[in-house]
PDB file of N, CA and C in Angstrom:
ATOM      1  N   UNK A   1      80.630 112.084  94.678  1.00  0.00           N
ATOM      2  CA  UNK A   1      82.122 111.810  94.034  1.00  0.00           C
ATOM      3  C   UNK A   1      82.263 113.228  93.490  1.00  0.00           C
ATOM      4  N   UNK A   2      81.653 113.881  92.902  1.00  0.00           N
ATOM      5  CA  UNK A   2      82.691 115.011  92.311  1.00  0.00           C
ATOM      6  C   UNK A   2      82.960 116.369  93.848  1.00  0.00           C
ATOM      7  N   UNK A   3      82.435 116.890  93.922  1.00  0.00           N
ATOM      8  CA  UNK A   3      83.066 117.297  95.265  1.00  0.00           C
ATOM      9  C   UNK A   3      84.085 117.300  96.297  1.00  0.00           C
ATOM     10  N   UNK A   4      83.771 115.886  96.762  1.00  0.00           N
ATOM     11  CA  UNK A   4      85.106 115.262  97.585  1.00  0.00           C
ATOM     12  C   UNK A   4      86.705 115.807  96.523  1.00  0.00           C
ATOM     13  N   UNK A   5      86.329 115.265  94.850  1.00  0.00           N
ATOM     14  CA  UNK A   5      86.797 115.265  94.398  1.00  0.00           C
ATOM     15  C   UNK A   5      87.766 117.367  93.919  1.00  0.00           C
ATOM     16  N   UNK A   6      86.623 118.075  94.058  1.00  0.00           N
ATOM     17  CA  UNK A   6      87.160 118.808  93.756  1.00  0.00           C
ATOM     18  C   UNK A   6      87.790 119.774  95.132  1.00  0.00           C
ATOM     19  N   UNK A   7      87.351 119.269  96.774  1.00  0.00           N
ATOM     20  CA  UNK A   7      87.395 119.559  97.511  1.00  0.00           C
ATOM     21  C   UNK A   7      89.434 118.719  97.945  1.00  0.00           C
ATOM     22  N   UNK A   8      89.768 117.684  97.091  1.00  0.00           N
ATOM     23  CA  UNK A   8      90.872 117.209  97.227  1.00  0.00           C
ATOM     24  C   UNK A   8      91.699 118.452  96.801  1.00  0.00           C
ATOM     25  N   UNK A   9      91.548 118.794  95.118  1.00  0.00           N
ATOM     26  CA  UNK A   9      92.437 119.641  93.848  1.00  0.00           C
ATOM     27  C   UNK A   9      92.897 120.878  95.040  1.00  0.00           C
ATOM     28  N   UNK A  10      92.943 121.489  96.242  1.00  0.00           N
ATOM     29  CA  UNK A  10      93.199 122.459  97.001  1.00  0.00           C
ATOM     30  C   UNK A  10      94.137 122.564  97.758  1.00  0.00           C
ATOM     31  N   UNK A  11      95.124 122.944  98.107  1.00  0.00           N
ATOM     32  CA  UNK A  11      96.492 123.132  99.085  1.00  0.00           C
ATOM     33  C   UNK A  11      96.307 122.165 100.437  1.00  0.00           C
ATOM     34  N   UNK A  12      94.565 123.263 100.611  1.00  0.00           N
ATOM     35  CA  UNK A  12      93.964 122.547 102.005  1.00  0.00           C
ATOM     36  C   UNK A  12      93.508 120.671 102.101  1.00  0.00           C
ATOM     37  N   UNK A  13      92.742 120.579 100.800  1.00  0.00           N
ATOM     38  CA  UNK A  13      92.578 119.089 100.792  1.00  0.00           C
ATOM     39  C   UNK A  13      94.474 118.177 100.158  1.00  0.00           C
ATOM     40  N   UNK A  14      95.229 118.741  99.676  1.00  0.00           N
ATOM     41  CA  UNK A  14      96.569 117.316  99.727  1.00  0.00           C
ATOM     42  C   UNK A  14      96.572 117.518 101.123  1.00  0.00           C
ATOM     43  N   UNK A  15      96.567 118.968 101.754  1.00  0.00           N
ATOM     44  CA  UNK A  15      97.276 118.833 103.002  1.00  0.00           C
ATOM     45  C   UNK A  15      96.865 117.748 103.630  1.00  0.00           C
ATOM     46  N   UNK A  16      95.044 117.547 103.660  1.00  0.00           N
ATOM     47  CA  UNK A  16      94.296 116.792 104.568  1.00  0.00           C
ATOM     48  C   UNK A  16      94.725 115.192 103.994  1.00  0.00           C
ATOM     49  N   UNK A  17      94.763 114.940 102.572  1.00  0.00           N
ATOM     50  CA  UNK A  17      95.125 114.104 102.872  1.00  0.00           C
ATOM     51  C   UNK A  17      96.772 113.544 103.242  1.00  0.00           C
ATOM     52  N   UNK A  18      97.455 113.975 103.123  1.00  0.00           N
ATOM     53  CA  UNK A  18      98.946 113.827 103.835  1.00  0.00           C
ATOM     54  C   UNK A  18      99.235 113.735 105.269  1.00  0.00           C
ATOM     55  N   UNK A  19      97.954 114.485 105.265  1.00  0.00           N
ATOM     56  CA  UNK A  19      98.504 114.467 107.366  1.00  0.00           C
ATOM     57  C   UNK A  19      97.558 113.040 107.346  1.00  0.00           C
ATOM     58  N   UNK A  20      96.721 112.626 107.030  1.00  0.00           N
ATOM     59  CA  UNK A  20      95.511 111.424 106.909  1.00  0.00           C
ATOM     60  C   UNK A  20      96.543 110.188 106.890  1.00  0.00           C
ATOM     61  N   UNK A  21      96.972 109.821 105.286  1.00  0.00           N
ATOM     62  CA  UNK A  21      97.835 108.761 105.507  1.00  0.00           C
ATOM     63  C   UNK A  21      99.383 108.775 104.966  1.00  0.00           C
ATOM     64  N   UNK A  22      99.760 109.930 104.632  1.00  0.00           N
ATOM     65  CA  UNK A  22     100.851 110.647 105.333  1.00  0.00           C
ATOM     66  C   UNK A  22     101.676 110.115 103.830  1.00  0.00           C
ATOM     67  N   UNK A  23     100.916 109.411 102.861  1.00  0.00           N
ATOM     68  CA  UNK A  23     101.682 109.951 101.310  1.00  0.00           C
ATOM     69  C   UNK A  23     100.390 110.216  99.832  1.00  0.00           C
ATOM     70  N   UNK A  24     100.589 110.355  99.104  1.00  0.00           N
ATOM     71  CA  UNK A  24      99.145 110.702  98.587  1.00  0.00           C
ATOM     72  C   UNK A  24      99.363 109.874  97.070  1.00  0.00           C
ATOM     73  N   UNK A  25      97.807 109.769  96.778  1.00  0.00           N
ATOM     74  CA  UNK A  25      97.405 109.210  95.379  1.00  0.00           C
ATOM     75  C   UNK A  25      98.565 109.497  93.937  1.00  0.00           C
ATOM     76  N   UNK A  26      98.860 108.745  93.610  1.00  0.00           N
ATOM     77  CA  UNK A  26     100.098 109.788  92.016  1.00  0.00           C
ATOM     78  C   UNK A  26      98.896 110.292  91.100  1.00  0.00           C
ATOM     79  N   UNK A  27      97.686 110.507  90.802  1.00  0.00           N
ATOM     80  CA  UNK A  27      96.882 111.350  90.203  1.00  0.00           C
ATOM     81  C   UNK A  27      97.804 113.407  90.849  1.00  0.00           C
ATOM     82  N   UNK A  28      98.265 112.821  91.857  1.00  0.00           N
ATOM     83  CA  UNK A  28      99.161 113.815  91.922  1.00  0.00           C
ATOM     84  C   UNK A  28     100.049 114.606  92.094  1.00  0.00           C
ATOM     85  N   UNK A  29     100.784 112.734  91.028  1.00  0.00           N
ATOM     86  CA  UNK A  29     102.462 112.613  91.099  1.00  0.00           C
ATOM     87  C   UNK A  29     103.647 113.582  92.174  1.00  0.00           C
ATOM     88  N   UNK A  30     103.146 112.740  93.359  1.00  0.00           N
ATOM     89  CA  UNK A  30     104.570 113.368  94.153  1.00  0.00           C
ATOM     90  C   UNK A  30     105.616 112.492  93.977  1.00  0.00           C
ATOM     91  N   UNK A  31     106.856 113.529  94.057  1.00  0.00           N
ATOM     92  CA  UNK A  31     107.687 112.919  94.010  1.00  0.00           C
ATOM     93  C   UNK A  31     109.126 114.154  94.683  1.00  0.00           C
ATOM     94  N   UNK A  32     109.635 112.950  95.183  1.00  0.00           N
ATOM     95  CA  UNK A  32     110.875 113.972  95.379  1.00  0.00           C
ATOM     96  C   UNK A  32     112.531 114.841  94.966  1.00  0.00           C
ATOM     97  N   UNK A  33     111.978 115.996  95.426  1.00  0.00           N
ATOM     98  CA  UNK A  33     113.154 116.698  94.416  1.00  0.00           C
ATOM     99  C   UNK A  33     114.792 116.462  95.087  1.00  0.00           C
ATOM    100  N   UNK A  34     115.710 117.188  93.815  1.00  0.00           N
ATOM    101  CA  UNK A  34     116.990 117.288  93.686  1.00  0.00           C
ATOM    102  C   UNK A  34     117.365 117.979  93.729  1.00  0.00           C
ATOM    103  N   UNK A  35     119.140 118.446  93.988  1.00  0.00           N
ATOM    104  CA  UNK A  35     119.684 119.107  93.760  1.00  0.00           C
ATOM    105  C   UNK A  35     119.837 120.735  94.792  1.00  0.00           C
ATOM    106  N   UNK A  36     119.071 121.754  94.908  1.00  0.00           N
ATOM    107  CA  UNK A  36     118.989 122.410  95.798  1.00  0.00           C
ATOM    108  C   UNK A  36     118.077 122.267  96.673  1.00  0.00           C
ATOM    109  N   UNK A  37     117.035 121.645  96.015  1.00  0.00           N
ATOM    110  CA  UNK A  37     115.708 121.309  96.500  1.00  0.00           C
ATOM    111  C   UNK A  37     116.017 119.771  97.498  1.00  0.00           C
ATOM    112  N   UNK A  38     116.936 119.651  97.728  1.00  0.00           N
ATOM    113  CA  UNK A  38     117.103 117.868  98.127  1.00  0.00           C
ATOM    114  C   UNK A  38     116.022 117.946  99.180  1.00  0.00           C
ATOM    115  N   UNK A  39     115.549 116.970  99.707  1.00  0.00           N
ATOM    116  CA  UNK A  39     115.157 116.876 101.162  1.00  0.00           C
ATOM    117  C   UNK A  39     113.763 116.861 100.662  1.00  0.00           C
ATOM    118  N   UNK A  40     113.055 117.686  99.731  1.00  0.00           N
ATOM    119  CA  UNK A  40     111.482 118.322  99.692  1.00  0.00           C
ATOM    120  C   UNK A  40     110.999 117.271  98.719  1.00  0.00           C
ATOM    121  N   UNK A  41     109.412 117.410  98.557  1.00  0.00           N
ATOM    122  CA  UNK A  41     108.459 117.073  98.188  1.00  0.00           C
ATOM    123  C   UNK A  41     107.589 117.806  97.184  1.00  0.00           C
ATOM    124  N   UNK A  42     107.564 117.146  95.525  1.00  0.00           N
ATOM    125  CA  UNK A  42     106.455 118.361  95.264  1.00  0.00           C
ATOM    126  C   UNK A  42     105.669 117.382  94.552  1.00  0.00           C
ATOM    127  N   UNK A  43     104.608 118.030  94.398  1.00  0.00           N
ATOM    128  CA  UNK A  43     103.013 117.478  93.797  1.00  0.00           C
ATOM    129  C   UNK A  43     102.495 118.739  93.445  1.00  0.00           C
ATOM    130  N   UNK A  44     101.517 117.457  92.619  1.00  0.00           N
ATOM    131  CA  UNK A  44     100.654 118.415  91.225  1.00  0.00           C
ATOM    132  C   UNK A  44      99.583 118.905  92.131  1.00  0.00           C
ATOM    133  N   UNK A  45      98.800 119.941  92.260  1.00  0.00           N
ATOM    134  CA  UNK A  45      97.665 120.233  92.709  1.00  0.00           C
ATOM    135  C   UNK A  45      96.180 120.277  91.854  1.00  0.00           C
ATOM    136  N   UNK A  46      97.280 121.075  90.778  1.00  0.00           N
ATOM    137  CA  UNK A  46      96.226 120.702  89.010  1.00  0.00           C
ATOM    138  C   UNK A  46      97.169 121.103  88.812  1.00  0.00           C
ATOM    139  N   UNK A  47      97.536 121.249  86.907  1.00  0.00           N
ATOM    140  CA  UNK A  47      98.497 120.705  85.931  1.00  0.00           C
ATOM    141  C   UNK A  47      99.796 121.552  86.150  1.00  0.00           C
ATOM    142  N   UNK A  48      99.387 123.130  86.701  1.00  0.00           N
ATOM    143  CA  UNK A  48     100.515 124.496  86.598  1.00  0.00           C
ATOM    144  C   UNK A  48     100.588 124.466  88.215  1.00  0.00           C
ATOM    145  N   UNK A  49      99.952 124.038  89.375  1.00  0.00           N
ATOM    146  CA  UNK A  49      99.149 124.784  91.010  1.00  0.00           C
ATOM    147  C   UNK A  49     100.615 123.664  91.913  1.00  0.00           C
ATOM    148  N   UNK A  50     101.463 123.952  91.920  1.00  0.00           N
ATOM    149  CA  UNK A  50     102.120 122.837  92.971  1.00  0.00           C
ATOM    150  C   UNK A  50     102.513 123.039  94.289  1.00  0.00           C
ATOM    151  N   UNK A  51     102.817 121.929  94.851  1.00  0.00           N
ATOM    152  CA  UNK A  51     103.241 122.233  96.559  1.00  0.00           C
ATOM    153  C   UNK A  51     104.616 121.621  96.928  1.00  0.00           C
ATOM    154  N   UNK A  52     105.029 122.441  97.649  1.00  0.00           N
ATOM    155  CA  UNK A  52     106.280 121.744  98.047  1.00  0.00           C
ATOM    156  C   UNK A  52     106.642 121.397  99.635  1.00  0.00           C
ATOM    157  N   UNK A  53     106.721 120.066 100.278  1.00  0.00           N
ATOM    158  CA  UNK A  53     106.579 120.517 101.152  1.00  0.00           C
ATOM    159  C   UNK A  53     107.712 119.726 101.736  1.00  0.00           C
ATOM    160  N   UNK A  54     108.545 119.265 103.301  1.00  0.00           N
ATOM    161  CA  UNK A  54     109.072 118.590 103.755  1.00  0.00           C
ATOM    162  C   UNK A  54     108.554 118.332 103.951  1.00  0.00           C
ATOM    163  N   UNK A  55     108.938 116.057 104.351  1.00  0.00           N
ATOM    164  CA  UNK A  55     108.133 115.207 105.300  1.00  0.00           C
ATOM    165  C   UNK A  55     108.939 113.984 106.192  1.00  0.00           C
ATOM    166  N   UNK A  56     108.867 114.074 107.723  1.00  0.00           N
ATOM    167  CA  UNK A  56     109.433 113.714 108.256  1.00  0.00           C
ATOM    168  C   UNK A  56     108.690 112.397 108.755  1.00  0.00           C
ATOM    169  N   UNK A  57     108.713 111.497 108.291  1.00  0.00           N
ATOM    170  CA  UNK A  57     107.955 110.031 108.144  1.00  0.00           C
ATOM    171  C   UNK A  57     107.811 109.575 109.675  1.00  0.00           C
ATOM    172  N   UNK A  58     109.336 109.741 110.103  1.00  0.00           N
ATOM    173  CA  UNK A  58     109.374 108.921 112.239  1.00  0.00           C
ATOM    174  C   UNK A  58     107.803 109.973 112.860  1.00  0.00           C
ATOM    175  N   UNK A  59     108.346 111.084 112.541  1.00  0.00           N
ATOM    176  CA  UNK A  59     107.854 111.653 113.628  1.00  0.00           C
ATOM    177  C   UNK A  59     106.898 112.534 112.681  1.00  0.00           C
ATOM    178  N   UNK A  60     106.098 112.440 112.216  1.00  0.00           N
ATOM    179  CA  UNK A  60     105.199 112.561 111.236  1.00  0.00           C
ATOM    180  C   UNK A  60     104.771 114.015 111.685  1.00  0.00           C
ATOM    181  N   UNK A  61     105.339 114.604 110.867  1.00  0.00           N
ATOM    182  CA  UNK A  61     105.984 116.444 110.136  1.00  0.00           C
ATOM    183  C   UNK A  61     105.638 116.571 109.590  1.00  0.00           C
ATOM    184  N   UNK A  62     104.772 116.761 108.851  1.00  0.00           N
ATOM    185  CA  UNK A  62     105.220 118.069 107.340  1.00  0.00           C
ATOM    186  C   UNK A  62     105.295 119.338 107.461  1.00  0.00           C
ATOM    187  N   UNK A  63     106.860 119.557 106.500  1.00  0.00           N
ATOM    188  CA  UNK A  63     106.568 121.433 106.670  1.00  0.00           C
ATOM    189  C   UNK A  63     105.835 121.915 105.652  1.00  0.00           C
ATOM    190  N   UNK A  64     105.098 122.659 105.682  1.00  0.00           N
ATOM    191  CA  UNK A  64     105.316 122.995 103.388  1.00  0.00           C
ATOM    192  C   UNK A  64     105.833 124.565 103.872  1.00  0.00           C
ATOM    193  N   UNK A  65     106.480 124.307 102.459  1.00  0.00           N
ATOM    194  CA  UNK A  65     107.071 124.524 102.026  1.00  0.00           C
ATOM    195  C   UNK A  65     106.586 126.093 101.423  1.00  0.00           C
ATOM    196  N   UNK A  66     106.222 125.742  99.761  1.00  0.00           N
ATOM    197  CA  UNK A  66     105.411 126.891  99.468  1.00  0.00           C
ATOM    198  C   UNK A  66     104.887 126.370  98.311  1.00  0.00           C
ATOM    199  N   UNK A  67     104.016 127.045  97.992  1.00  0.00           N
ATOM    200  CA  UNK A  67     102.759 126.853  96.779  1.00  0.00           C
ATOM    201  C   UNK A  67     103.131 127.854  95.367  1.00  0.00           C
ATOM    202  N   UNK A  68     102.546 127.034  94.086  1.00  0.00           N
ATOM    203  CA  UNK A  68     102.386 127.986  93.199  1.00  0.00           C
ATOM    204  C   UNK A  68     102.622 127.458  91.650  1.00  0.00           C
ATOM    205  N   UNK A  69     102.763 127.986  90.408  1.00  0.00           N
ATOM    206  CA  UNK A  69     102.736 127.744  89.319  1.00  0.00           C
ATOM    207  C   UNK A  69     104.714 126.674  88.992  1.00  0.00           C
ATOM    208  N   UNK A  70     104.818 126.177  88.375  1.00  0.00           N
ATOM    209  CA  UNK A  70     106.512 125.979  87.992  1.00  0.00           C
ATOM    210  C   UNK A  70     107.762 126.956  87.710  1.00  0.00           C
ATOM    211  N   UNK A  71     107.055 128.425  87.247  1.00  0.00           N
ATOM    212  CA  UNK A  71     107.774 129.546  86.779  1.00  0.00           C
ATOM    213  C   UNK A  71     107.855 130.081  87.773  1.00  0.00           C
ATOM    214  N   UNK A  72     107.010 130.364  89.323  1.00  0.00           N
ATOM    215  CA  UNK A  72     107.128 131.065  90.425  1.00  0.00           C
ATOM    216  C   UNK A  72     108.209 130.500  91.594  1.00  0.00           C
ATOM    217  N   UNK A  73     108.220 128.665  90.732  1.00  0.00           N
ATOM    218  CA  UNK A  73     109.017 127.842  92.142  1.00  0.00           C
ATOM    219  C   UNK A  73     110.303 128.031  91.494  1.00  0.00           C
ATOM    220  N   UNK A  74     110.289 127.234  90.426  1.00  0.00           N
ATOM    221  CA  UNK A  74     111.565 126.992  89.807  1.00  0.00           C
ATOM    222  C   UNK A  74     111.687 127.972  89.157  1.00  0.00           C
TER     223      UNK A  74
END
């Protein structure tokens, strides 16, 4: 169980969850962004490691846009 949890706390692990389910568990704090980032989603891979993506639910398309710390991205 611990190994699976550690694997899911990587960008590819999070992307895999999104590909399989179309959403993320609340432990990743997924949320829509606003302002100049409107239309994008953000989640926390780890406490200060973020992933930003665009998601089209009708066509099952994920576009990964960036990853990094809060300082790197905002």
